[in-house]
Amino acid sequence: MIYLDTHIVVWLYSGLTEKFTALPRSLLNDHDLYISPMVRLELQYLYEIERVSVPADTIILDLGDRLGLKICEKDFHRVVDYGLGLSWTRDPFDRLIVAQAAISENILLTKDIKLLKHYAQAQWD
């Protein structure tokens, strides 16, 4: 099981496969794909500010059908409790996306330099 950061979800939905090097492709092909509910919220936020062209649920349903993407159902209070300790970022999306993966020490696929630096299980290449 791996978790996907928001930009990874957008790239997958948009068909931007050229953005993925060998390691991300392998991770995507070899694991069950999950997102934090915060990714869903961030996707909707991006839609509302016109950074993506379709609502969050359209993206998630499409990737669920095509790739088996699932939304993680870990207890939200537990995720927030973990996120409270992630003081290296002020971004609430990043805190909860990392916390969702970190509770079970799962891989988080991201190209975000800050997440790669601070979360040992974050992967890109």
C-alpha atoms as a PDB file:
ATOM      1  CA  MET A   1       0.000   0.000   0.000  1.00  0.00           C
ATOM      2  CA  ILE A   2       1.262   3.463  -0.892  1.00  0.00           C
ATOM      3  CA  TYR A   3      -0.204   6.910  -0.475  1.00  0.00           C
ATOM      4  CA  LEU A   4      -0.238   9.498  -3.228  1.00  0.00           C
ATOM      5  CA  ASP A   5       0.345  13.193  -2.759  1.00  0.00           C
ATOM      6  CA  THR A   6      -2.117  15.552  -4.434  1.00  0.00           C
ATOM      7  CA  HIS A   7       0.056  16.470  -7.399  1.00  0.00           C
ATOM      8  CA  ILE A   8       0.598  12.782  -8.176  1.00  0.00           C
ATOM      9  CA  VAL A   9      -3.179  12.299  -8.336  1.00  0.00           C
ATOM     10  CA  VAL A  10      -3.537  15.293 -10.667  1.00  0.00           C
ATOM     11  CA  TRP A  11      -0.778  14.012 -12.951  1.00  0.00           C
ATOM     12  CA  LEU A  12      -2.311  10.532 -13.101  1.00  0.00           C
ATOM     13  CA  TYR A  13      -5.745  11.915 -13.904  1.00  0.00           C
ATOM     14  CA  SER A  14      -4.297  14.224 -16.555  1.00  0.00           C
ATOM     15  CA  GLY A  15      -2.302  11.429 -18.187  1.00  0.00           C
ATOM     16  CA  LEU A  16       1.016  13.151 -17.526  1.00  0.00           C
ATOM     17  CA  THR A  17       2.904   9.859 -17.341  1.00  0.00           C
ATOM     18  CA  GLU A  18       6.101  11.465 -18.628  1.00  0.00           C
ATOM     19  CA  LYS A  19       6.458  13.084 -15.187  1.00  0.00           C
ATOM     20  CA  PHE A  20       7.100   9.664 -13.631  1.00  0.00           C
ATOM     21  CA  THR A  21      10.556   8.123 -13.619  1.00  0.00           C
ATOM     22  CA  ALA A  22      11.217   4.397 -13.147  1.00  0.00           C
ATOM     23  CA  LEU A  23      10.802   4.292  -9.344  1.00  0.00           C
ATOM     24  CA  PRO A  24       7.428   6.069  -9.204  1.00  0.00           C
ATOM     25  CA  ARG A  25       6.144   3.916 -12.079  1.00  0.00           C
ATOM     26  CA  SER A  26       7.228   0.780 -10.269  1.00  0.00           C
ATOM     27  CA  LEU A  27       5.607   1.896  -7.019  1.00  0.00           C
ATOM     28  CA  LEU A  28       2.369   2.748  -8.816  1.00  0.00           C
ATOM     29  CA  ASN A  29       2.284  -0.626 -10.564  1.00  0.00           C
ATOM     30  CA  ASP A  30       3.282  -2.774  -7.586  1.00  0.00           C
ATOM     31  CA  HIS A  31       1.137  -1.411  -4.745  1.00  0.00           C
ATOM     32  CA  ASP A  32      -2.447  -0.697  -3.787  1.00  0.00           C
ATOM     33  CA  LEU A  33      -2.999   3.046  -4.180  1.00  0.00           C
ATOM     34  CA  TYR A  34      -4.466   5.179  -1.403  1.00  0.00           C
ATOM     35  CA  ILE A  35      -5.005   8.837  -0.697  1.00  0.00           C
ATOM     36  CA  SER A  36      -5.715  10.729   2.467  1.00  0.00           C
ATOM     37  CA  PRO A  37      -9.156  12.362   2.607  1.00  0.00           C
ATOM     38  CA  MET A  38      -7.130  15.592   2.720  1.00  0.00           C
ATOM     39  CA  VAL A  39      -6.093  14.957  -0.877  1.00  0.00           C
ATOM     40  CA  ARG A  40      -9.781  14.924  -1.770  1.00  0.00           C
ATOM     41  CA  LEU A  41     -10.257  18.259   0.018  1.00  0.00           C
ATOM     42  CA  GLU A  42      -7.151  19.769  -1.590  1.00  0.00           C
ATOM     43  CA  LEU A  43      -8.316  18.648  -5.045  1.00  0.00           C
ATOM     44  CA  GLN A  44     -11.641  20.388  -4.458  1.00  0.00           C
ATOM     45  CA  TYR A  45      -9.820  23.516  -3.286  1.00  0.00           C
ATOM     46  CA  LEU A  46      -7.709  23.427  -6.476  1.00  0.00           C
ATOM     47  CA  TYR A  47     -10.897  23.105  -8.523  1.00  0.00           C
ATOM     48  CA  GLU A  48     -12.484  26.071  -6.766  1.00  0.00           C
ATOM     49  CA  ILE A  49      -9.461  28.288  -7.476  1.00  0.00           C
ATOM     50  CA  GLU A  50      -9.389  26.960 -11.058  1.00  0.00           C
ATOM     51  CA  ARG A  51      -6.041  25.157 -10.833  1.00  0.00           C
ATOM     52  CA  VAL A  52      -7.732  21.908 -11.959  1.00  0.00           C
ATOM     53  CA  SER A  53     -10.664  21.751 -14.340  1.00  0.00           C
ATOM     54  CA  VAL A  54     -12.891  19.126 -12.693  1.00  0.00           C
ATOM     55  CA  PRO A  55     -14.199  18.571  -9.150  1.00  0.00           C
ATOM     56  CA  ALA A  56     -12.345  16.329  -6.726  1.00  0.00           C
ATOM     57  CA  ASP A  57     -14.844  13.489  -6.828  1.00  0.00           C
ATOM     58  CA  THR A  58     -14.642  13.279 -10.621  1.00  0.00           C
ATOM     59  CA  ILE A  59     -10.886  12.737 -10.373  1.00  0.00           C
ATOM     60  CA  ILE A  60     -11.134  10.241  -7.539  1.00  0.00           C
ATOM     61  CA  LEU A  61     -13.918   8.204  -9.134  1.00  0.00           C
ATOM     62  CA  ASP A  62     -12.034   8.058 -12.426  1.00  0.00           C
ATOM     63  CA  LEU A  63      -8.789   6.916 -10.798  1.00  0.00           C
ATOM     64  CA  GLY A  64     -10.722   4.474  -8.634  1.00  0.00           C
ATOM     65  CA  ASP A  65     -12.160   2.877 -11.765  1.00  0.00           C
ATOM     66  CA  ARG A  66      -8.924   2.944 -13.768  1.00  0.00           C
ATOM     67  CA  LEU A  67      -6.293   2.280 -11.095  1.00  0.00           C
ATOM     68  CA  GLY A  68      -8.158   1.030  -8.036  1.00  0.00           C
ATOM     69  CA  LEU A  69      -7.415   4.216  -6.067  1.00  0.00           C
ATOM     70  CA  LYS A  70      -8.997   4.199  -2.604  1.00  0.00           C
ATOM     71  CA  ILE A  71      -9.520   6.820   0.076  1.00  0.00           C
ATOM     72  CA  CYS A  72      -7.971   5.777   3.386  1.00  0.00           C
ATOM     73  CA  GLU A  73     -10.411   5.366   6.251  1.00  0.00           C
ATOM     74  CA  LYS A  74      -8.044   5.639   9.217  1.00  0.00           C
ATOM     75  CA  ASP A  75      -9.546   7.326  12.245  1.00  0.00           C
ATOM     76  CA  PHE A  76      -9.398  11.083  11.659  1.00  0.00           C
ATOM     77  CA  HIS A  77      -8.612  11.898  15.298  1.00  0.00           C
ATOM     78  CA  ARG A  78      -5.632   9.550  15.152  1.00  0.00           C
ATOM     79  CA  VAL A  79      -4.420  11.220  11.946  1.00  0.00           C
ATOM     80  CA  VAL A  80      -4.790  14.693  13.472  1.00  0.00           C
ATOM     81  CA  ASP A  81      -2.983  13.564  16.634  1.00  0.00           C
ATOM     82  CA  TYR A  82      -0.044  12.454  14.504  1.00  0.00           C
ATOM     83  CA  GLY A  83      -0.206  15.626  12.421  1.00  0.00           C
ATOM     84  CA  LEU A  84       0.079  17.783  15.543  1.00  0.00           C
ATOM     85  CA  GLY A  85       3.691  16.661  15.838  1.00  0.00           C
ATOM     86  CA  LEU A  86       4.670  17.587  12.283  1.00  0.00           C
ATOM     87  CA  SER A  87       5.875  21.068  13.124  1.00  0.00           C
ATOM     88  CA  TRP A  88       8.219  21.272  10.116  1.00  0.00           C
ATOM     89  CA  THR A  89       5.342  22.550   7.973  1.00  0.00           C
ATOM     90  CA  ARG A  90       2.520  25.044   8.409  1.00  0.00           C
ATOM     91  CA  ASP A  91       0.567  23.552   5.488  1.00  0.00           C
ATOM     92  CA  PRO A  92      -2.436  21.686   6.957  1.00  0.00           C
ATOM     93  CA  PHE A  93      -2.812  19.607   3.790  1.00  0.00           C
ATOM     94  CA  ASP A  94       0.789  18.402   3.989  1.00  0.00           C
ATOM     95  CA  ARG A  95       0.549  17.694   7.708  1.00  0.00           C
ATOM     96  CA  LEU A  96      -2.465  15.440   7.352  1.00  0.00           C
ATOM     97  CA  ILE A  97      -1.370  13.794   4.096  1.00  0.00           C
ATOM     98  CA  VAL A  98       1.946  12.833   5.699  1.00  0.00           C
ATOM     99  CA  ALA A  99       0.282  11.814   8.966  1.00  0.00           C
ATOM    100  CA  GLN A 100      -2.101   9.498   7.098  1.00  0.00           C
ATOM    101  CA  ALA A 101       0.837   7.608   5.585  1.00  0.00           C
ATOM    102  CA  ALA A 102       3.120   7.862   8.607  1.00  0.00           C
ATOM    103  CA  ILE A 103       0.777   6.222  11.116  1.00  0.00           C
ATOM    104  CA  SER A 104       1.540   2.856   9.513  1.00  0.00           C
ATOM    105  CA  GLU A 105       4.934   3.880   8.076  1.00  0.00           C
ATOM    106  CA  ASN A 106       3.631   3.597   4.520  1.00  0.00           C
ATOM    107  CA  ILE A 107       5.325   5.057   1.464  1.00  0.00           C
ATOM    108  CA  LEU A 108       4.117   8.466   0.330  1.00  0.00           C
ATOM    109  CA  LEU A 109       4.739   9.046  -3.364  1.00  0.00           C
ATOM    110  CA  THR A 110       5.560  12.726  -3.809  1.00  0.00           C
ATOM    111  CA  LYS A 111       7.908  15.024  -5.657  1.00  0.00           C
ATOM    112  CA  ASP A 112       7.570  17.687  -2.937  1.00  0.00           C
ATOM    113  CA  ILE A 113      11.093  18.473  -1.695  1.00  0.00           C
ATOM    114  CA  LYS A 114       9.934  19.392   1.819  1.00  0.00           C
ATOM    115  CA  LEU A 115       8.033  16.110   2.248  1.00  0.00           C
ATOM    116  CA  LEU A 116      10.960  14.117   0.847  1.00  0.00           C
ATOM    117  CA  LYS A 117      13.278  15.824   3.329  1.00  0.00           C
ATOM    118  CA  HIS A 118      11.119  15.371   6.437  1.00  0.00           C
ATOM    119  CA  TYR A 119       9.262  12.079   5.967  1.00  0.00           C
ATOM    120  CA  ALA A 120      11.609   9.097   5.734  1.00  0.00           C
ATOM    121  CA  GLN A 121       9.086   6.994   3.796  1.00  0.00           C
ATOM    122  CA  ALA A 122       8.483   9.649   1.125  1.00  0.00           C
ATOM    123  CA  GLN A 123       9.710   8.428  -2.246  1.00  0.00           C
ATOM    124  CA  TRP A 124      10.341   9.886  -5.656  1.00  0.00           C
ATOM    125  CA  ASP A 125      13.577   8.663  -7.253  1.00  0.00           C
END
